[in-house]
Amino acid sequence: MRRLPPLTAIEAFVQVARQGSLKAAAEALALSSPALTRRIQALERFVGHPLFERRHQAVHLNPDGERLLAEIGPAVDALAVAMERAAGNAEMMRLRLAVPSLFASQRLMPNLPTLRAQYPDLHIDIDTGANRLARLDEGLDAAIAITTEVDPALYARRIDSNCAIAIASRQLRDGPEAIRTPADLARTTIFLHRDMPATFDYWRDAAGLPELQPAAIDQFDSGQLILDAAAQGLGVAFMLESHLRASHDERLVQLFDIKVESPYSYWFACRRSALKRRPVRIFHDWLFAGGAGYAGAVTR
């Protein structure tokens, strides 16, 4: 049997490939960047050719690297699970995750069966309470939050970017009291999420109507309730385009042909030390491999 490269080099390769960042992978493995680079170089010498393309601060797999990751990635995951079982650390396979309820219902729960199938010993306690990032020192392992920025002291990675849009019922768009132009918002109520209070301001400025004032502004702490209120024709919701797309609610439509890049994004965050815990790492890697939809690559 042909000799194998050091397992540490293989582990480094898989981490860099999945993170897309030498810095993030080094933090996850508690290594210095030079030490991580040496492990990658050792593996590339072993296989006889480069596995990555270096582009500024990011690294990307080349075709040889993509093929290698596809073949050894599942085996590395299976090996890690086997070692957890052999060490009798089943109690460590529990993740305490804070997450917005709308993200949980629209994107997390529909995709969790794939995670459970891959890691049947991983169990997740889901917390949908407020102040998620502030509670990372209060028993939570990790959080998904919708925000404009995350404390630099935390490990943070943006899940995706999005556009802010106006969402309303078909009746409100097409009925006798239809909202046909942005100026018509002056006679209706708009709904905002407390986690995204400036969404309407950004949208209004992009529409060229900085002085526009709706008849009233109602704030909710539940994205699903906002969508339900809009579907009932009670007003116009200003939320993310992904919220409308993932709602699969035929009663809801986008008002106007105006999309604004939102300052708010979903972020994954945790204490940097938490990434060393296997449940956090499993969930993180699954999430950013597309486990809950498209995953961005902004890491800090």
Protein backbone atom coordinates (compact mmCIF):
# COMPACT_ATOMS: atom_id res chain seq x y z
CA MET A 1 0.00 0.00 0.00
CA ARG A 2 1.34 3.41 -0.97
CA ARG A 3 2.36 5.59 1.95
CA LEU A 4 0.03 8.45 2.83
CA PRO A 5 0.84 12.12 3.45
CA PRO A 6 0.65 13.39 7.04
CA LEU A 7 -2.92 13.61 8.30
CA THR A 8 -2.19 17.16 9.48
CA ALA A 9 -1.49 18.17 5.87
CA ILE A 10 -4.74 16.60 4.69
CA GLU A 11 -6.66 18.33 7.48
CA ALA A 12 -5.09 21.67 6.52
CA PHE A 13 -6.01 21.16 2.87
CA VAL A 14 -9.65 20.39 3.67
CA GLN A 15 -9.97 23.40 5.98
CA VAL A 16 -8.48 25.85 3.49
CA ALA A 17 -10.55 24.41 0.67
CA ARG A 18 -13.79 24.79 2.61
CA GLN A 19 -12.97 28.17 4.12
CA GLY A 20 -11.52 29.78 1.00
CA SER A 21 -9.18 31.68 3.31
CA LEU A 22 -5.79 30.82 4.76
CA LYS A 23 -6.40 33.16 7.70
CA ALA A 24 -9.77 31.61 8.61
CA ALA A 25 -8.42 28.07 8.27
CA ALA A 26 -5.40 28.91 10.41
CA GLU A 27 -7.67 30.28 13.14
CA ALA A 28 -9.87 27.19 13.00
CA LEU A 29 -6.86 24.88 13.40
CA ALA A 30 -5.15 27.14 15.97
CA LEU A 31 -2.11 27.48 13.69
CA SER A 32 -0.06 30.41 12.48
CA SER A 33 -0.49 31.26 8.81
CA PRO A 34 3.10 30.23 7.99
CA ALA A 35 2.59 26.86 9.72
CA LEU A 36 -0.62 26.26 7.78
CA THR A 37 1.07 27.23 4.52
CA ARG A 38 3.87 24.75 5.17
CA ARG A 39 1.34 21.94 5.61
CA ILE A 40 -0.37 22.83 2.33
CA GLN A 41 2.96 22.99 0.55
CA ALA A 42 3.90 19.58 1.96
CA LEU A 43 0.73 18.07 0.51
CA GLU A 44 1.30 19.75 -2.85
CA ARG A 45 4.83 18.33 -2.93
CA PHE A 46 3.42 14.90 -2.10
CA VAL A 47 0.88 14.94 -4.97
CA GLY A 48 3.35 16.65 -7.30
CA HIS A 49 1.33 19.70 -8.36
CA PRO A 50 -0.46 22.76 -6.95
CA LEU A 51 -3.95 22.38 -5.53
CA PHE A 52 -4.90 26.05 -5.15
CA GLU A 53 -4.90 29.28 -7.10
CA ARG A 54 -3.79 32.23 -4.99
CA ARG A 55 -5.72 35.48 -5.55
CA HIS A 56 -4.85 38.37 -3.26
CA GLN A 57 -6.20 37.45 0.20
CA ALA A 58 -8.27 34.49 -1.03
CA VAL A 59 -7.39 31.01 -2.26
CA HIS A 60 -9.42 28.91 -4.64
CA LEU A 61 -9.18 25.27 -5.56
CA ASN A 62 -7.88 24.52 -9.02
CA PRO A 63 -9.37 21.54 -10.91
CA ASP A 64 -6.90 19.13 -9.29
CA GLY A 65 -7.77 20.50 -5.87
CA GLU A 66 -11.50 20.24 -6.51
CA ARG A 67 -11.14 16.61 -7.52
CA LEU A 68 -9.05 15.80 -4.45
CA LEU A 69 -11.50 17.53 -2.08
CA ALA A 70 -14.44 15.64 -3.58
CA GLU A 71 -12.66 12.35 -3.01
CA ILE A 72 -11.13 12.84 0.44
CA GLY A 73 -13.48 15.38 2.08
CA PRO A 74 -16.16 12.81 3.03
CA ALA A 75 -13.48 10.41 4.24
CA VAL A 76 -11.97 13.06 6.53
CA ASP A 77 -15.43 13.85 7.94
CA ALA A 78 -16.12 10.16 8.50
CA LEU A 79 -12.76 9.74 10.23
CA ALA A 80 -13.51 12.64 12.58
CA VAL A 81 -16.90 11.16 13.48
CA ALA A 82 -15.32 7.74 14.07
CA MET A 83 -12.77 9.29 16.42
CA GLU A 84 -15.51 11.08 18.33
CA ARG A 85 -17.31 7.77 18.81
CA ALA A 86 -14.12 5.93 19.76
CA ALA A 87 -13.32 8.58 22.34
CA GLY A 88 -16.81 8.34 23.77
CA ASN A 89 -17.48 12.05 23.26
CA ALA A 90 -21.09 11.78 22.18
CA GLU A 91 -22.02 14.49 24.66
CA MET A 92 -19.80 16.90 22.72
CA MET A 93 -21.96 16.48 19.61
CA ARG A 94 -24.52 19.07 20.69
CA LEU A 95 -24.70 22.54 19.22
CA ARG A 96 -26.49 25.39 20.98
CA LEU A 97 -27.42 27.73 18.15
CA ALA A 98 -29.21 31.08 18.22
CA VAL A 99 -30.98 31.89 14.97
CA PRO A 100 -33.73 34.25 13.72
CA SER A 101 -37.03 32.40 13.53
CA LEU A 102 -37.58 33.28 9.85
CA PHE A 103 -34.14 32.01 8.83
CA ALA A 104 -34.81 28.87 10.85
CA SER A 105 -38.15 28.16 9.18
CA GLN A 106 -37.24 29.20 5.65
CA ARG A 107 -33.67 27.98 5.29
CA LEU A 108 -32.47 25.93 8.23
CA MET A 109 -35.24 23.43 8.97
CA PRO A 110 -35.90 22.45 5.31
CA ASN A 111 -32.21 21.55 4.92
CA LEU A 112 -31.41 19.98 8.29
CA PRO A 113 -32.26 16.44 7.10
CA THR A 114 -29.13 16.51 4.92
CA LEU A 115 -27.01 17.46 7.92
CA ARG A 116 -28.65 14.81 10.11
CA ALA A 117 -28.08 12.17 7.44
CA GLN A 118 -24.38 13.02 7.36
CA TYR A 119 -23.96 13.44 11.12
CA PRO A 120 -26.67 11.47 12.94
CA ASP A 121 -24.95 12.05 16.30
CA LEU A 122 -25.12 15.84 16.00
CA HIS A 123 -28.00 17.44 17.89
CA ILE A 124 -28.90 21.12 17.74
CA ASP A 125 -30.63 23.16 20.43
CA ILE A 126 -32.25 26.09 18.61
CA ASP A 127 -32.77 29.43 20.36
CA THR A 128 -34.82 32.08 18.51
CA GLY A 129 -34.54 34.74 21.20
CA ALA A 130 -33.27 38.28 20.65
CA ASN A 131 -29.77 39.71 21.21
CA ARG A 132 -28.16 36.63 19.73
CA LEU A 133 -24.61 37.91 19.40
CA ALA A 134 -24.61 39.42 22.88
CA ARG A 135 -25.57 36.06 24.35
CA LEU A 136 -22.64 34.09 22.97
CA ASP A 137 -21.17 34.17 26.47
CA GLU A 138 -24.40 32.87 27.99
CA GLY A 139 -24.40 29.22 26.99
CA LEU A 140 -24.68 29.63 23.20
CA ASP A 141 -22.06 28.04 20.96
CA ALA A 142 -22.83 30.03 17.82
CA ALA A 143 -25.35 32.40 16.34
CA ILE A 144 -26.85 33.40 13.03
CA ALA A 145 -27.84 37.06 13.09
CA ILE A 146 -29.08 39.59 10.58
CA THR A 147 -27.05 42.74 11.02
CA THR A 148 -24.82 45.27 9.30
CA GLU A 149 -21.66 44.33 11.15
CA VAL A 150 -20.29 41.98 13.78
CA ASP A 151 -17.92 42.72 16.65
CA PRO A 152 -14.36 42.17 15.32
CA ALA A 153 -13.57 40.22 18.48
CA LEU A 154 -15.81 37.43 17.19
CA TYR A 155 -15.22 35.03 14.35
CA ALA A 156 -17.77 36.13 11.74
CA ARG A 157 -18.61 35.04 8.23
CA ARG A 158 -21.33 36.50 6.05
CA ILE A 159 -23.75 33.91 4.77
CA ASP A 160 -24.98 35.90 1.80
CA SER A 161 -25.76 39.34 0.42
CA ASN A 162 -29.22 40.52 -0.45
CA CYS A 163 -31.48 43.23 -1.83
CA ALA A 164 -34.18 45.14 0.05
CA ILE A 165 -37.58 45.22 -1.66
CA ALA A 166 -41.18 46.22 -1.00
CA ILE A 167 -43.46 43.21 -0.44
CA ALA A 168 -47.26 43.32 -0.47
CA SER A 169 -50.33 41.23 -1.23
CA ARG A 170 -51.55 40.82 -4.80
CA GLN A 171 -54.75 42.53 -3.70
CA LEU A 172 -52.84 45.60 -2.58
CA ARG A 173 -51.00 45.67 -5.89
CA ASP A 174 -53.98 45.04 -8.18
CA GLY A 175 -57.12 45.95 -6.20
CA PRO A 176 -59.23 49.14 -6.29
CA GLU A 177 -56.99 50.78 -3.66
CA ALA A 178 -53.82 49.58 -5.35
CA ILE A 179 -50.39 50.88 -4.42
CA ARG A 180 -49.08 51.63 -7.91
CA THR A 181 -46.19 54.03 -7.31
CA PRO A 182 -43.78 54.64 -4.42
CA ALA A 183 -45.60 57.92 -3.72
CA ASP A 184 -48.72 55.88 -2.90
CA LEU A 185 -46.96 54.59 0.21
CA ALA A 186 -47.92 57.89 1.83
CA ARG A 187 -51.40 56.43 2.37
CA THR A 188 -50.49 53.03 3.73
CA THR A 189 -48.72 51.36 6.65
CA ILE A 190 -45.29 49.83 6.20
CA PHE A 191 -43.81 46.98 8.25
CA LEU A 192 -40.20 46.83 9.42
CA HIS A 193 -38.26 44.19 11.33
CA ARG A 194 -36.60 45.44 14.51
CA ASP A 195 -33.34 43.85 13.37
CA MET A 196 -33.48 45.88 10.12
CA PRO A 197 -34.87 49.27 11.17
CA ALA A 198 -33.22 51.32 8.41
CA THR A 199 -34.41 49.16 5.50
CA PHE A 200 -37.11 51.60 4.37
CA ASP A 201 -34.74 54.57 4.61
CA TYR A 202 -32.24 52.89 2.27
CA TRP A 203 -34.99 51.85 -0.12
CA ARG A 204 -36.63 55.30 -0.09
CA ASP A 205 -33.35 57.07 -0.85
CA ALA A 206 -32.63 54.70 -3.74
CA ALA A 207 -36.10 55.42 -5.15
CA GLY A 208 -35.27 59.12 -5.21
CA LEU A 209 -37.95 60.00 -2.64
CA PRO A 210 -35.99 60.94 0.49
CA GLU A 211 -38.92 62.95 1.86
CA LEU A 212 -41.51 60.19 1.44
CA GLN A 213 -43.32 59.34 4.67
CA PRO A 214 -45.71 56.37 4.95
CA ALA A 215 -49.00 56.74 6.80
CA ALA A 216 -47.55 54.68 9.66
CA ILE A 217 -44.63 52.38 10.50
CA ASP A 218 -45.27 49.18 12.45
CA GLN A 219 -42.31 47.23 13.80
CA PHE A 220 -42.21 43.48 14.42
CA ASP A 221 -39.66 41.16 15.97
CA SER A 222 -40.86 38.25 13.80
CA GLY A 223 -40.19 38.11 10.08
CA GLN A 224 -42.92 35.53 9.55
CA LEU A 225 -45.50 37.77 11.19
CA ILE A 226 -44.44 40.62 8.90
CA LEU A 227 -44.98 38.42 5.85
CA ASP A 228 -48.33 37.23 7.22
CA ALA A 229 -49.48 40.81 7.81
CA ALA A 230 -48.43 41.81 4.29
CA ALA A 231 -50.20 38.76 2.82
CA GLN A 232 -53.40 39.84 4.56
CA GLY A 233 -53.22 43.23 2.83
CA LEU A 234 -52.58 45.12 6.05
CA GLY A 235 -49.62 47.05 4.68
CA VAL A 236 -46.32 46.88 2.80
CA ALA A 237 -43.33 44.98 4.19
CA PHE A 238 -39.77 46.13 3.55
CA MET A 239 -37.63 43.04 3.82
CA LEU A 240 -35.05 41.08 1.85
CA GLU A 241 -35.64 39.61 -1.57
CA SER A 242 -34.69 36.19 -0.20
CA HIS A 243 -37.50 36.45 2.35
CA LEU A 244 -40.08 36.74 -0.41
CA ARG A 245 -38.49 34.03 -2.54
CA ALA A 246 -38.29 31.55 0.33
CA SER A 247 -41.81 32.25 1.57
CA HIS A 248 -43.42 30.34 -1.33
CA ASP A 249 -46.56 32.36 -0.55
CA GLU A 250 -48.59 32.95 -3.71
CA ARG A 251 -50.40 35.82 -2.00
CA LEU A 252 -47.22 37.91 -1.86
CA VAL A 253 -45.57 39.90 -4.64
CA GLN A 254 -42.83 42.48 -5.01
CA LEU A 255 -44.12 46.02 -5.39
CA PHE A 256 -42.36 48.29 -7.89
CA ASP A 257 -39.25 47.50 -9.89
CA ILE A 258 -36.87 48.79 -7.25
CA LYS A 259 -34.17 46.66 -5.62
CA VAL A 260 -31.66 48.15 -3.24
CA GLU A 261 -28.51 46.46 -2.02
CA SER A 262 -29.27 45.92 1.63
CA PRO A 263 -26.82 46.92 4.36
CA TYR A 264 -28.22 43.99 6.34
CA SER A 265 -26.97 40.45 5.82
CA TYR A 266 -27.20 37.12 7.60
CA TRP A 267 -23.96 36.36 9.43
CA PHE A 268 -22.65 33.29 11.22
CA ALA A 269 -20.72 34.22 14.36
CA CYS A 270 -19.10 32.55 17.34
CA ARG A 271 -16.24 32.96 19.74
CA ARG A 272 -13.01 32.12 17.94
CA SER A 273 -12.28 29.41 20.46
CA ALA A 274 -15.66 27.79 19.73
CA LEU A 275 -14.49 26.81 16.25
CA LYS A 276 -12.28 24.20 17.90
CA ARG A 277 -15.40 22.35 19.10
CA ARG A 278 -16.45 19.71 16.65
CA PRO A 279 -20.23 20.45 16.66
CA VAL A 280 -19.54 24.09 15.80
CA ARG A 281 -17.09 23.15 13.10
CA ILE A 282 -19.42 20.57 11.56
CA PHE A 283 -22.30 23.04 11.38
CA HIS A 284 -20.07 25.85 10.11
CA ASP A 285 -18.60 23.75 7.31
CA TRP A 286 -22.01 22.37 6.32
CA LEU A 287 -23.52 25.87 6.27
CA PHE A 288 -20.79 27.31 4.08
CA ALA A 289 -20.85 24.37 1.74
CA GLY A 290 -24.37 25.52 0.85
CA GLY A 291 -26.27 23.64 3.53
CA ALA A 292 -28.86 26.42 3.96
CA GLY A 293 -28.66 28.04 0.55
CA TYR A 294 -25.92 30.03 -1.15
CA ALA A 295 -23.05 30.84 1.17
CA GLY A 296 -20.84 33.86 0.81
CA ALA A 297 -17.12 33.98 1.41
CA VAL A 298 -16.63 37.08 3.57
CA THR A 299 -14.72 35.95 6.62
CA ARG A 300 -13.32 37.80 9.58
